[in-house]
Amino acid sequence: MAKPYRLPDFKKIYPEASEEVISVLKITERKMQYQEYDLKAEQTIIDEEKQTVTVIPSREDSYERLKEAAVQFTSQVPGPEELVIRKLEEEQLHRAVSCLSDDDQYLILQLYFEERTERWLAAELGCSQNAVNKRRQQILKKLRRMLENF
């Protein structure tokens, strides 16, 4: 690629190319320069009459540089409505899980709250991983039906 803001002489590089191809090459090269330099470089404008210097920041910046400059990002904290809804859903889920048999509760608690794998649980229970998976799916169906009724 050529130096910034200088388009190469495509007629010298590709003497057999038509004017149409040369035109497309120039447009493409300029677009590449725009992506590589214009968006990423800040511009400094010096007004000699007013004795001022204006810095226009780049339109694209790296996350690391923004962190170094201590730029604060908005956090994705849920709003109060979402928190209330989430709390109600959690309560409903806990009520539904408490209605399950002890064996079903154990399986759900191990898989979802203790973050055990189906394979680990299958080894503990002395059955296949497919059996644990099938049982988990049945329990989840049961929970969904319970939650619809709450």
N, C-alpha and C. Protein backbone atom coordinates (compact mmCIF):
# COMPACT_ATOMS: atom_id res chain seq x y z
N MET A 1 0.83 -1.18 0.00
CA MET A 1 0.00 0.00 0.00
C MET A 1 0.88 1.25 0.00
N ALA A 2 0.39 2.28 -0.61
CA ALA A 2 1.14 3.53 -0.73
C ALA A 2 1.14 4.28 0.58
N LYS A 3 1.88 5.38 0.59
CA LYS A 3 1.91 6.24 1.77
C LYS A 3 0.54 6.88 1.95
N PRO A 4 0.23 7.30 3.17
CA PRO A 4 -1.08 7.92 3.39
C PRO A 4 -1.29 9.13 2.50
N TYR A 5 -2.49 9.23 1.98
CA TYR A 5 -2.95 10.37 1.18
C TYR A 5 -2.23 10.51 -0.16
N ARG A 6 -1.50 9.49 -0.58
CA ARG A 6 -0.87 9.50 -1.89
C ARG A 6 -1.31 8.25 -2.62
N LEU A 7 -1.94 8.44 -3.75
CA LEU A 7 -2.37 7.30 -4.54
C LEU A 7 -1.25 6.87 -5.46
N PRO A 8 -1.00 5.59 -5.55
CA PRO A 8 0.06 5.12 -6.46
C PRO A 8 -0.35 5.35 -7.92
N ASP A 9 0.64 5.37 -8.79
CA ASP A 9 0.37 5.53 -10.21
C ASP A 9 0.02 4.16 -10.79
N PHE A 10 -1.26 3.89 -10.84
CA PHE A 10 -1.72 2.59 -11.28
C PHE A 10 -1.44 2.35 -12.77
N LYS A 11 -1.29 3.41 -13.55
CA LYS A 11 -0.99 3.23 -14.98
C LYS A 11 0.40 2.63 -15.15
N LYS A 12 1.34 3.01 -14.27
CA LYS A 12 2.69 2.44 -14.33
C LYS A 12 2.69 1.01 -13.81
N ILE A 13 1.91 0.77 -12.75
CA ILE A 13 1.88 -0.55 -12.14
C ILE A 13 1.17 -1.56 -13.05
N TYR A 14 0.06 -1.13 -13.66
CA TYR A 14 -0.74 -2.00 -14.53
C TYR A 14 -0.90 -1.33 -15.90
N PRO A 15 0.13 -1.34 -16.77
CA PRO A 15 0.04 -0.64 -18.05
C PRO A 15 -1.03 -1.22 -18.99
N GLU A 16 -1.35 -2.48 -18.84
CA GLU A 16 -2.32 -3.11 -19.74
C GLU A 16 -3.77 -2.88 -19.28
N ALA A 17 -3.98 -2.31 -18.09
CA ALA A 17 -5.33 -2.13 -17.55
C ALA A 17 -6.05 -0.97 -18.24
N SER A 18 -7.36 -1.12 -18.40
CA SER A 18 -8.17 -0.07 -19.03
C SER A 18 -8.40 1.07 -18.04
N GLU A 19 -8.91 2.19 -18.58
CA GLU A 19 -9.19 3.36 -17.74
C GLU A 19 -10.25 3.04 -16.68
N GLU A 20 -11.17 2.20 -17.04
CA GLU A 20 -12.23 1.79 -16.11
C GLU A 20 -11.63 1.06 -14.90
N VAL A 21 -10.70 0.14 -15.18
CA VAL A 21 -10.06 -0.61 -14.10
C VAL A 21 -9.20 0.32 -13.24
N ILE A 22 -8.47 1.23 -13.89
CA ILE A 22 -7.64 2.19 -13.16
C ILE A 22 -8.52 3.05 -12.24
N SER A 23 -9.66 3.47 -12.73
CA SER A 23 -10.58 4.27 -11.94
C SER A 23 -11.06 3.51 -10.70
N VAL A 24 -11.40 2.24 -10.89
CA VAL A 24 -11.85 1.41 -9.76
C VAL A 24 -10.72 1.21 -8.76
N LEU A 25 -9.50 1.01 -9.25
CA LEU A 25 -8.35 0.85 -8.36
C LEU A 25 -8.12 2.11 -7.51
N LYS A 26 -8.26 3.27 -8.12
CA LYS A 26 -8.08 4.52 -7.38
C LYS A 26 -9.13 4.68 -6.30
N ILE A 27 -10.37 4.38 -6.66
CA ILE A 27 -11.46 4.50 -5.68
C ILE A 27 -11.25 3.52 -4.53
N THR A 28 -10.88 2.30 -4.86
CA THR A 28 -10.65 1.29 -3.84
C THR A 28 -9.48 1.67 -2.93
N GLU A 29 -8.41 2.17 -3.52
CA GLU A 29 -7.24 2.58 -2.74
C GLU A 29 -7.61 3.72 -1.79
N ARG A 30 -8.39 4.66 -2.27
CA ARG A 30 -8.79 5.79 -1.42
C ARG A 30 -9.66 5.31 -0.26
N LYS A 31 -10.56 4.34 -0.54
CA LYS A 31 -11.40 3.78 0.52
C LYS A 31 -10.53 3.08 1.57
N MET A 32 -9.52 2.36 1.12
CA MET A 32 -8.62 1.69 2.06
C MET A 32 -7.87 2.69 2.92
N GLN A 33 -7.42 3.78 2.30
CA GLN A 33 -6.72 4.81 3.05
C GLN A 33 -7.66 5.46 4.07
N TYR A 34 -8.90 5.67 3.69
CA TYR A 34 -9.89 6.23 4.60
C TYR A 34 -10.04 5.33 5.82
N GLN A 35 -10.15 4.02 5.59
CA GLN A 35 -10.31 3.08 6.70
C GLN A 35 -9.05 3.02 7.58
N GLU A 36 -7.87 3.07 6.95
CA GLU A 36 -6.63 2.89 7.70
C GLU A 36 -6.09 4.17 8.33
N TYR A 37 -6.36 5.31 7.73
CA TYR A 37 -5.76 6.53 8.23
C TYR A 37 -6.79 7.56 8.70
N ASP A 38 -7.76 7.88 7.86
CA ASP A 38 -8.69 8.96 8.19
C ASP A 38 -9.49 8.68 9.46
N LEU A 39 -9.99 7.48 9.60
CA LEU A 39 -10.80 7.15 10.77
C LEU A 39 -9.96 7.06 12.04
N LYS A 40 -8.71 6.68 11.90
CA LYS A 40 -7.89 6.40 13.07
C LYS A 40 -6.99 7.55 13.52
N ALA A 41 -6.84 8.56 12.71
CA ALA A 41 -5.92 9.63 13.04
C ALA A 41 -6.67 10.87 13.51
N GLU A 42 -6.18 11.43 14.60
CA GLU A 42 -6.78 12.70 15.01
C GLU A 42 -6.19 13.82 14.18
N GLN A 43 -6.93 14.89 14.03
CA GLN A 43 -6.48 16.00 13.20
C GLN A 43 -6.25 17.22 14.08
N THR A 44 -5.20 17.95 13.76
CA THR A 44 -4.88 19.17 14.48
C THR A 44 -5.02 20.34 13.51
N ILE A 45 -5.86 21.29 13.90
CA ILE A 45 -6.07 22.48 13.06
C ILE A 45 -5.48 23.67 13.80
N ILE A 46 -4.55 24.35 13.13
CA ILE A 46 -3.88 25.51 13.74
C ILE A 46 -4.38 26.77 13.04
N ASP A 47 -4.95 27.66 13.81
CA ASP A 47 -5.42 28.94 13.28
C ASP A 47 -4.41 30.00 13.71
N GLU A 48 -3.59 30.44 12.73
CA GLU A 48 -2.52 31.38 13.04
C GLU A 48 -3.04 32.77 13.38
N GLU A 49 -4.16 33.15 12.78
CA GLU A 49 -4.72 34.47 13.07
C GLU A 49 -5.21 34.58 14.50
N LYS A 50 -5.97 33.57 14.93
CA LYS A 50 -6.55 33.59 16.29
C LYS A 50 -5.60 32.98 17.32
N GLN A 51 -4.50 32.43 16.86
CA GLN A 51 -3.52 31.80 17.74
C GLN A 51 -4.16 30.66 18.55
N THR A 52 -4.93 29.82 17.86
CA THR A 52 -5.58 28.69 18.54
C THR A 52 -5.21 27.38 17.85
N VAL A 53 -5.26 26.33 18.64
CA VAL A 53 -5.03 24.99 18.13
C VAL A 53 -6.26 24.16 18.49
N THR A 54 -6.87 23.56 17.48
CA THR A 54 -8.04 22.72 17.69
C THR A 54 -7.68 21.29 17.33
N VAL A 55 -7.97 20.37 18.25
CA VAL A 55 -7.70 18.96 18.00
C VAL A 55 -9.04 18.26 17.81
N ILE A 56 -9.18 17.64 16.64
CA ILE A 56 -10.37 16.85 16.34
C ILE A 56 -9.99 15.39 16.57
N PRO A 57 -10.62 14.73 17.55
CA PRO A 57 -10.23 13.34 17.84
C PRO A 57 -10.60 12.41 16.70
N SER A 58 -9.95 11.27 16.70
CA SER A 58 -10.24 10.28 15.66
C SER A 58 -11.65 9.73 15.86
N ARG A 59 -12.23 9.22 14.79
CA ARG A 59 -13.58 8.68 14.87
C ARG A 59 -13.56 7.22 15.27
N GLU A 60 -12.39 6.65 15.36
CA GLU A 60 -12.24 5.25 15.76
C GLU A 60 -11.10 5.20 16.75
N ASP A 61 -11.29 4.45 17.82
CA ASP A 61 -10.26 4.41 18.84
C ASP A 61 -10.17 3.00 19.41
N SER A 62 -9.03 2.69 20.00
CA SER A 62 -8.87 1.36 20.60
C SER A 62 -9.37 1.37 22.03
N TYR A 63 -9.84 0.24 22.47
CA TYR A 63 -10.34 0.09 23.83
C TYR A 63 -9.22 0.36 24.84
N GLU A 64 -8.00 -0.10 24.53
CA GLU A 64 -6.88 0.08 25.45
C GLU A 64 -6.56 1.56 25.64
N ARG A 65 -6.56 2.34 24.54
CA ARG A 65 -6.26 3.76 24.67
C ARG A 65 -7.35 4.48 25.46
N LEU A 66 -8.60 4.08 25.24
CA LEU A 66 -9.69 4.69 25.99
C LEU A 66 -9.59 4.37 27.47
N LYS A 67 -9.15 3.16 27.81
CA LYS A 67 -8.97 2.81 29.22
C LYS A 67 -7.85 3.64 29.82
N GLU A 68 -6.76 3.82 29.07
CA GLU A 68 -5.64 4.64 29.56
C GLU A 68 -6.07 6.08 29.78
N ALA A 69 -6.97 6.57 28.94
CA ALA A 69 -7.46 7.94 29.08
C ALA A 69 -8.57 8.04 30.12
N ALA A 70 -8.86 6.94 30.80
CA ALA A 70 -9.85 6.88 31.87
C ALA A 70 -11.25 7.27 31.39
N VAL A 71 -11.59 6.84 30.18
CA VAL A 71 -12.93 7.09 29.66
C VAL A 71 -13.89 6.14 30.36
N GLN A 72 -14.99 6.69 30.87
CA GLN A 72 -15.98 5.88 31.57
C GLN A 72 -17.00 5.34 30.57
N PHE A 73 -17.27 4.04 30.66
CA PHE A 73 -18.26 3.41 29.79
C PHE A 73 -19.53 3.21 30.60
N THR A 74 -20.67 3.30 29.91
CA THR A 74 -21.92 3.06 30.61
C THR A 74 -22.02 1.57 30.91
N SER A 75 -22.48 1.27 32.09
CA SER A 75 -22.61 -0.13 32.47
C SER A 75 -23.98 -0.64 32.05
N GLN A 76 -24.05 -1.93 31.89
CA GLN A 76 -25.29 -2.55 31.46
C GLN A 76 -26.09 -3.04 32.67
N VAL A 77 -26.31 -2.14 33.62
CA VAL A 77 -27.05 -2.48 34.83
C VAL A 77 -28.53 -2.51 34.50
N PRO A 78 -29.22 -3.59 34.88
CA PRO A 78 -30.65 -3.64 34.60
C PRO A 78 -31.41 -2.59 35.41
N GLY A 79 -32.51 -2.14 34.83
CA GLY A 79 -33.34 -1.14 35.50
C GLY A 79 -34.14 -1.75 36.63
N PRO A 80 -34.82 -0.92 37.43
CA PRO A 80 -35.59 -1.42 38.57
C PRO A 80 -36.70 -2.38 38.15
N GLU A 81 -37.35 -2.11 37.01
CA GLU A 81 -38.41 -3.01 36.55
C GLU A 81 -37.87 -4.41 36.28
N GLU A 82 -36.72 -4.44 35.59
CA GLU A 82 -36.11 -5.73 35.28
C GLU A 82 -35.70 -6.47 36.54
N LEU A 83 -35.19 -5.74 37.53
CA LEU A 83 -34.78 -6.38 38.78
C LEU A 83 -35.97 -6.99 39.51
N VAL A 84 -37.09 -6.28 39.54
CA VAL A 84 -38.30 -6.78 40.20
C VAL A 84 -38.81 -8.02 39.48
N ILE A 85 -38.87 -7.96 38.16
CA ILE A 85 -39.34 -9.11 37.37
C ILE A 85 -38.44 -10.32 37.59
N ARG A 86 -37.12 -10.08 37.56
CA ARG A 86 -36.16 -11.17 37.77
C ARG A 86 -36.35 -11.80 39.16
N LYS A 87 -36.56 -10.95 40.18
CA LYS A 87 -36.75 -11.43 41.54
C LYS A 87 -38.02 -12.29 41.64
N LEU A 88 -39.11 -11.84 41.01
CA LEU A 88 -40.35 -12.61 41.01
C LEU A 88 -40.17 -13.96 40.30
N GLU A 89 -39.48 -13.94 39.19
CA GLU A 89 -39.23 -15.19 38.45
C GLU A 89 -38.39 -16.15 39.28
N GLU A 90 -37.38 -15.62 39.98
CA GLU A 90 -36.54 -16.47 40.83
C GLU A 90 -37.37 -17.11 41.94
N GLU A 91 -38.25 -16.32 42.56
CA GLU A 91 -39.10 -16.85 43.62
C GLU A 91 -40.01 -17.96 43.09
N GLN A 92 -40.60 -17.73 41.92
CA GLN A 92 -41.46 -18.74 41.30
C GLN A 92 -40.67 -20.02 41.01
N LEU A 93 -39.47 -19.85 40.50
CA LEU A 93 -38.64 -21.00 40.17
C LEU A 93 -38.29 -21.79 41.43
N HIS A 94 -37.92 -21.09 42.50
CA HIS A 94 -37.58 -21.78 43.74
C HIS A 94 -38.79 -22.51 44.32
N ARG A 95 -39.98 -21.92 44.22
CA ARG A 95 -41.20 -22.59 44.68
C ARG A 95 -41.45 -23.85 43.85
N ALA A 96 -41.26 -23.73 42.53
CA ALA A 96 -41.49 -24.88 41.66
C ALA A 96 -40.47 -25.98 41.94
N VAL A 97 -39.20 -25.63 42.15
CA VAL A 97 -38.16 -26.63 42.44
C VAL A 97 -38.46 -27.30 43.77
N SER A 98 -38.96 -26.54 44.73
CA SER A 98 -39.26 -27.14 46.04
C SER A 98 -40.41 -28.13 45.97
N CYS A 99 -41.23 -28.07 44.93
CA CYS A 99 -42.35 -29.01 44.74
C CYS A 99 -41.89 -30.33 44.10
N LEU A 100 -40.67 -30.37 43.62
CA LEU A 100 -40.15 -31.59 42.99
C LEU A 100 -39.79 -32.64 44.04
N SER A 101 -39.65 -33.87 43.60
CA SER A 101 -39.18 -34.93 44.51
C SER A 101 -37.73 -34.66 44.89
N ASP A 102 -37.28 -35.30 45.96
CA ASP A 102 -35.91 -35.08 46.44
C ASP A 102 -34.87 -35.45 45.38
N ASP A 103 -35.10 -36.54 44.65
CA ASP A 103 -34.16 -36.96 43.61
C ASP A 103 -34.11 -35.93 42.48
N ASP A 104 -35.28 -35.44 42.07
CA ASP A 104 -35.32 -34.43 41.01
C ASP A 104 -34.67 -33.13 41.46
N GLN A 105 -34.95 -32.73 42.70
CA GLN A 105 -34.32 -31.53 43.24
C GLN A 105 -32.81 -31.66 43.24
N TYR A 106 -32.31 -32.82 43.67
CA TYR A 106 -30.87 -33.05 43.72
C TYR A 106 -30.25 -32.90 42.33
N LEU A 107 -30.89 -33.50 41.33
CA LEU A 107 -30.37 -33.43 39.97
C LEU A 107 -30.32 -31.98 39.48
N ILE A 108 -31.40 -31.24 39.68
CA ILE A 108 -31.45 -29.83 39.23
C ILE A 108 -30.43 -28.99 39.98
N LEU A 109 -30.34 -29.17 41.30
CA LEU A 109 -29.38 -28.39 42.09
C LEU A 109 -27.95 -28.67 41.65
N GLN A 110 -27.64 -29.94 41.40
CA GLN A 110 -26.28 -30.28 40.98
C GLN A 110 -25.95 -29.71 39.61
N LEU A 111 -26.89 -29.82 38.67
CA LEU A 111 -26.62 -29.36 37.30
C LEU A 111 -26.60 -27.85 37.17
N TYR A 112 -27.53 -27.16 37.83
CA TYR A 112 -27.69 -25.73 37.59
C TYR A 112 -27.12 -24.83 38.68
N PHE A 113 -27.09 -25.30 39.92
CA PHE A 113 -26.61 -24.44 40.99
C PHE A 113 -25.18 -24.78 41.38
N GLU A 114 -24.84 -26.08 41.33
CA GLU A 114 -23.47 -26.50 41.63
C GLU A 114 -22.63 -26.60 40.36
N GLU A 115 -23.28 -26.42 39.20
CA GLU A 115 -22.63 -26.43 37.89
C GLU A 115 -21.85 -27.72 37.63
N ARG A 116 -22.42 -28.84 38.04
CA ARG A 116 -21.83 -30.14 37.73
C ARG A 116 -22.22 -30.51 36.30
N THR A 117 -21.44 -31.39 35.69
CA THR A 117 -21.77 -31.83 34.34
C THR A 117 -22.66 -33.07 34.42
N GLU A 118 -23.35 -33.33 33.33
CA GLU A 118 -24.18 -34.54 33.26
C GLU A 118 -23.31 -35.78 33.40
N ARG A 119 -22.13 -35.75 32.83
CA ARG A 119 -21.22 -36.90 32.91
C ARG A 119 -20.78 -37.15 34.35
N TRP A 120 -20.47 -36.06 35.07
CA TRP A 120 -20.07 -36.18 36.48
C TRP A 120 -21.22 -36.76 37.30
N LEU A 121 -22.42 -36.26 37.07
CA LEU A 121 -23.59 -36.71 37.81
C LEU A 121 -23.92 -38.18 37.46
N ALA A 122 -23.75 -38.54 36.21
CA ALA A 122 -24.00 -39.93 35.79
C ALA A 122 -23.04 -40.88 36.50
N ALA A 123 -21.79 -40.50 36.62
CA ALA A 123 -20.81 -41.34 37.31
C ALA A 123 -21.19 -41.48 38.79
N GLU A 124 -21.65 -40.40 39.39
CA GLU A 124 -22.04 -40.44 40.80
C GLU A 124 -23.28 -41.33 41.02
N LEU A 125 -24.24 -41.21 40.09
CA LEU A 125 -25.49 -41.96 40.24
C LEU A 125 -25.40 -43.38 39.69
N GLY A 126 -24.34 -43.68 38.98
CA GLY A 126 -24.15 -45.01 38.43
C GLY A 126 -25.05 -45.30 37.23
N CYS A 127 -25.24 -44.29 36.38
CA CYS A 127 -26.04 -44.49 35.17
C CYS A 127 -25.33 -43.80 34.00
N SER A 128 -25.94 -43.84 32.83
CA SER A 128 -25.30 -43.22 31.66
C SER A 128 -25.59 -41.72 31.62
N GLN A 129 -24.77 -41.03 30.87
CA GLN A 129 -24.96 -39.58 30.69
C GLN A 129 -26.27 -39.32 29.96
N ASN A 130 -26.63 -40.19 29.02
CA ASN A 130 -27.90 -40.05 28.30
C ASN A 130 -29.09 -40.17 29.24
N ALA A 131 -28.98 -41.06 30.21
CA ALA A 131 -30.07 -41.22 31.18
C ALA A 131 -30.24 -39.94 32.01
N VAL A 132 -29.13 -39.34 32.41
CA VAL A 132 -29.19 -38.09 33.17
C VAL A 132 -29.79 -36.98 32.31
N ASN A 133 -29.38 -36.93 31.05
CA ASN A 133 -29.90 -35.91 30.14
C ASN A 133 -31.41 -36.07 29.95
N LYS A 134 -31.84 -37.29 29.73
CA LYS A 134 -33.27 -37.55 29.53
C LYS A 134 -34.07 -37.17 30.77
N ARG A 135 -33.55 -37.53 31.93
CA ARG A 135 -34.22 -37.19 33.19
C ARG A 135 -34.28 -35.69 33.39
N ARG A 136 -33.17 -35.01 33.06
CA ARG A 136 -33.13 -33.54 33.17
C ARG A 136 -34.20 -32.91 32.29
N GLN A 137 -34.33 -33.39 31.06
CA GLN A 137 -35.34 -32.85 30.15
C GLN A 137 -36.75 -33.08 30.68
N GLN A 138 -36.99 -34.23 31.26
CA GLN A 138 -38.31 -34.50 31.84
C GLN A 138 -38.61 -33.57 33.01
N ILE A 139 -37.60 -33.35 33.85
CA ILE A 139 -37.78 -32.46 35.00
C ILE A 139 -38.04 -31.03 34.53
N LEU A 140 -37.31 -30.60 33.51
CA LEU A 140 -37.52 -29.24 32.99
C LEU A 140 -38.91 -29.07 32.41
N LYS A 141 -39.42 -30.08 31.72
CA LYS A 141 -40.80 -30.02 31.21
C LYS A 141 -41.78 -29.87 32.37
N LYS A 142 -41.54 -30.66 33.42
CA LYS A 142 -42.39 -30.61 34.60
C LYS A 142 -42.35 -29.20 35.23
N LEU A 143 -41.15 -28.63 35.32
CA LEU A 143 -40.99 -27.27 35.88
C LEU A 143 -41.71 -26.23 35.03
N ARG A 144 -41.60 -26.36 33.71
CA ARG A 144 -42.29 -25.39 32.83
C ARG A 144 -43.80 -25.44 33.05
N ARG A 145 -44.35 -26.66 33.16
CA ARG A 145 -45.80 -26.78 33.41
C ARG A 145 -46.15 -26.16 34.76
N MET A 146 -45.33 -26.38 35.76
CA MET A 146 -45.60 -25.79 37.08
C MET A 146 -45.57 -24.27 37.02
N LEU A 147 -44.59 -23.73 36.31
CA LEU A 147 -44.43 -22.28 36.22
C LEU A 147 -45.59 -21.63 35.46
N GLU A 148 -46.16 -22.35 34.50
CA GLU A 148 -47.32 -21.82 33.79
C GLU A 148 -48.51 -21.69 34.72
N ASN A 149 -48.59 -22.56 35.71
CA ASN A 149 -49.72 -22.56 36.63
C ASN A 149 -49.56 -21.58 37.79
N PHE A 150 -48.36 -21.07 38.02
CA PHE A 150 -48.16 -20.12 39.13
C PHE A 150 -48.72 -18.78 38.79
